[in-house]
Amino acid sequence: MATAGINSSDVEYDDDDGDAPTKSFRSAGKASLARMLDTAFEDRFASKKASKKLGYTNVNRKIQYSTDLWTTRVQYFREHVLGAEYVVTCYPT
């Protein structure tokens, strides 16, 4: 009979020995997490505004052309086939 591996669900053990490790740094990052939640709306607004102004970085012209071509095609499809309004989207960098 083959023995069960350590990751097998057939291996069971009792870990109720009372020596469970305590978390020494329970409040680690608490202040930064609180600041993150406090400024979430402003940060999201700022990142959306910044992403609208992004341009191409160091991209091959052929890739830039392909991206613009497909962006135009998808937008045309959205407007004329699906009847969706024109939406300005950010381009990948």
C-alpha atoms as a PDB file:
ATOM      1  CA  MET A   1       0.000   0.000   0.000  1.00  0.00           C
ATOM      2  CA  ALA A   2       1.372   3.426  -0.966  1.00  0.00           C
ATOM      3  CA  THR A   3       1.902   5.998   1.755  1.00  0.00           C
ATOM      4  CA  ALA A   4       0.111   9.347   1.530  1.00  0.00           C
ATOM      5  CA  GLY A   5       2.175  12.397   0.730  1.00  0.00           C
ATOM      6  CA  ILE A   6       2.423  15.390   3.061  1.00  0.00           C
ATOM      7  CA  ASN A   7       0.030  17.409   0.854  1.00  0.00           C
ATOM      8  CA  SER A   8      -2.551  14.625   0.782  1.00  0.00           C
ATOM      9  CA  SER A   9      -5.858  15.144   2.508  1.00  0.00           C
ATOM     10  CA  ASP A  10      -5.393  11.637   3.955  1.00  0.00           C
ATOM     11  CA  VAL A  11      -2.771  12.986   6.356  1.00  0.00           C
ATOM     12  CA  GLU A  12      -4.473  14.404   9.421  1.00  0.00           C
ATOM     13  CA  TYR A  13      -2.908  15.810  12.540  1.00  0.00           C
ATOM     14  CA  ASP A  14      -4.051  17.564  15.670  1.00  0.00           C
ATOM     15  CA  ASP A  15      -2.623  21.057  15.969  1.00  0.00           C
ATOM     16  CA  ASP A  16      -4.462  21.914  19.167  1.00  0.00           C
ATOM     17  CA  ASP A  17      -1.339  21.889  21.314  1.00  0.00           C
ATOM     18  CA  GLY A  18      -1.872  25.423  22.644  1.00  0.00           C
ATOM     19  CA  ASP A  19       1.394  26.751  21.225  1.00  0.00           C
ATOM     20  CA  ALA A  20      -0.078  28.676  18.292  1.00  0.00           C
ATOM     21  CA  PRO A  21       2.190  31.553  17.315  1.00  0.00           C
ATOM     22  CA  THR A  22       0.965  35.007  18.194  1.00  0.00           C
ATOM     23  CA  LYS A  23       1.072  37.833  15.708  1.00  0.00           C
ATOM     24  CA  SER A  24       3.812  40.158  16.934  1.00  0.00           C
ATOM     25  CA  PHE A  25       3.055  42.960  14.490  1.00  0.00           C
ATOM     26  CA  ARG A  26      -0.725  43.181  14.547  1.00  0.00           C
ATOM     27  CA  SER A  27      -0.727  46.897  13.777  1.00  0.00           C
ATOM     28  CA  ALA A  28       1.906  46.786  11.027  1.00  0.00           C
ATOM     29  CA  GLY A  29       0.746  49.011   8.188  1.00  0.00           C
ATOM     30  CA  LYS A  30      -2.345  50.177  10.038  1.00  0.00           C
ATOM     31  CA  ALA A  31      -1.634  53.895   9.571  1.00  0.00           C
ATOM     32  CA  SER A  32      -0.811  53.588   5.868  1.00  0.00           C
ATOM     33  CA  LEU A  33      -3.922  51.476   5.244  1.00  0.00           C
ATOM     34  CA  ALA A  34      -6.065  54.062   7.017  1.00  0.00           C
ATOM     35  CA  ARG A  35      -4.527  56.867   4.901  1.00  0.00           C
ATOM     36  CA  MET A  36      -5.131  54.802   1.764  1.00  0.00           C
ATOM     37  CA  LEU A  37      -8.832  54.482   2.607  1.00  0.00           C
ATOM     38  CA  ASP A  38      -9.117  58.140   3.614  1.00  0.00           C
ATOM     39  CA  THR A  39      -7.740  59.360   0.267  1.00  0.00           C
ATOM     40  CA  ALA A  40      -9.192  56.641  -2.001  1.00  0.00           C
ATOM     41  CA  PHE A  41     -11.585  58.948  -3.883  1.00  0.00           C
ATOM     42  CA  GLU A  42      -9.000  61.660  -4.484  1.00  0.00           C
ATOM     43  CA  ASP A  43      -6.376  59.103  -5.556  1.00  0.00           C
ATOM     44  CA  ARG A  44      -8.760  57.419  -7.986  1.00  0.00           C
ATOM     45  CA  PHE A  45      -9.755  60.766  -9.488  1.00  0.00           C
ATOM     46  CA  ALA A  46      -6.108  61.835  -9.842  1.00  0.00           C
ATOM     47  CA  SER A  47      -5.076  58.540 -11.449  1.00  0.00           C
ATOM     48  CA  LYS A  48      -7.981  58.645 -13.918  1.00  0.00           C
ATOM     49  CA  LYS A  49      -7.111  62.237 -14.828  1.00  0.00           C
ATOM     50  CA  ALA A  50      -3.430  61.359 -15.290  1.00  0.00           C
ATOM     51  CA  SER A  51      -4.214  58.270 -17.384  1.00  0.00           C
ATOM     52  CA  LYS A  52      -6.191  60.378 -19.855  1.00  0.00           C
ATOM     53  CA  LYS A  53      -3.022  62.382 -20.567  1.00  0.00           C
ATOM     54  CA  LEU A  54      -0.757  59.390 -21.101  1.00  0.00           C
ATOM     55  CA  GLY A  55       0.883  59.074 -24.457  1.00  0.00           C
ATOM     56  CA  TYR A  56       3.054  56.543 -26.154  1.00  0.00           C
ATOM     57  CA  THR A  57       6.439  55.986 -24.653  1.00  0.00           C
ATOM     58  CA  ASN A  58       9.159  54.164 -26.537  1.00  0.00           C
ATOM     59  CA  VAL A  59       6.947  52.209 -28.927  1.00  0.00           C
ATOM     60  CA  ASN A  60       7.560  50.896 -32.396  1.00  0.00           C
ATOM     61  CA  ARG A  61       5.578  52.956 -34.957  1.00  0.00           C
ATOM     62  CA  LYS A  62       4.003  49.780 -36.361  1.00  0.00           C
ATOM     63  CA  ILE A  63       2.652  48.885 -32.914  1.00  0.00           C
ATOM     64  CA  GLN A  64       1.375  52.433 -32.455  1.00  0.00           C
ATOM     65  CA  TYR A  65      -0.381  52.254 -35.849  1.00  0.00           C
ATOM     66  CA  SER A  66      -1.948  48.873 -35.011  1.00  0.00           C
ATOM     67  CA  THR A  67      -3.176  50.147 -31.660  1.00  0.00           C
ATOM     68  CA  ASP A  68      -4.711  53.265 -33.206  1.00  0.00           C
ATOM     69  CA  LEU A  69      -6.255  51.215 -36.028  1.00  0.00           C
ATOM     70  CA  TRP A  70      -7.976  48.786 -33.679  1.00  0.00           C
ATOM     71  CA  THR A  71      -9.027  51.536 -31.287  1.00  0.00           C
ATOM     72  CA  THR A  72     -10.721  53.303 -34.198  1.00  0.00           C
ATOM     73  CA  ARG A  73     -12.362  50.067 -35.389  1.00  0.00           C
ATOM     74  CA  VAL A  74     -13.681  49.169 -31.933  1.00  0.00           C
ATOM     75  CA  GLN A  75     -14.990  52.687 -31.376  1.00  0.00           C
ATOM     76  CA  TYR A  76     -16.705  52.667 -34.800  1.00  0.00           C
ATOM     77  CA  PHE A  77     -18.283  49.281 -33.981  1.00  0.00           C
ATOM     78  CA  ARG A  78     -19.473  50.555 -30.616  1.00  0.00           C
ATOM     79  CA  GLU A  79     -21.088  53.655 -32.140  1.00  0.00           C
ATOM     80  CA  HIS A  80     -22.567  52.298 -35.378  1.00  0.00           C
ATOM     81  CA  VAL A  81     -23.390  48.676 -34.539  1.00  0.00           C
ATOM     82  CA  LEU A  82     -24.088  48.747 -30.809  1.00  0.00           C
ATOM     83  CA  GLY A  83     -25.424  52.317 -30.718  1.00  0.00           C
ATOM     84  CA  ALA A  84     -23.150  53.265 -27.816  1.00  0.00           C
ATOM     85  CA  GLU A  85     -22.025  56.833 -27.270  1.00  0.00           C
ATOM     86  CA  TYR A  86     -18.527  57.968 -28.115  1.00  0.00           C
ATOM     87  CA  VAL A  87     -16.240  57.470 -25.139  1.00  0.00           C
ATOM     88  CA  VAL A  88     -12.691  58.700 -24.820  1.00  0.00           C
ATOM     89  CA  THR A  89     -10.550  55.904 -23.459  1.00  0.00           C
ATOM     90  CA  CYS A  90      -6.939  55.850 -22.426  1.00  0.00           C
ATOM     91  CA  TYR A  91      -4.474  54.200 -24.720  1.00  0.00           C
ATOM     92  CA  PRO A  92      -1.942  51.614 -23.593  1.00  0.00           C
ATOM     93  CA  THR A  93       1.589  52.886 -23.184  1.00  0.00           C
END
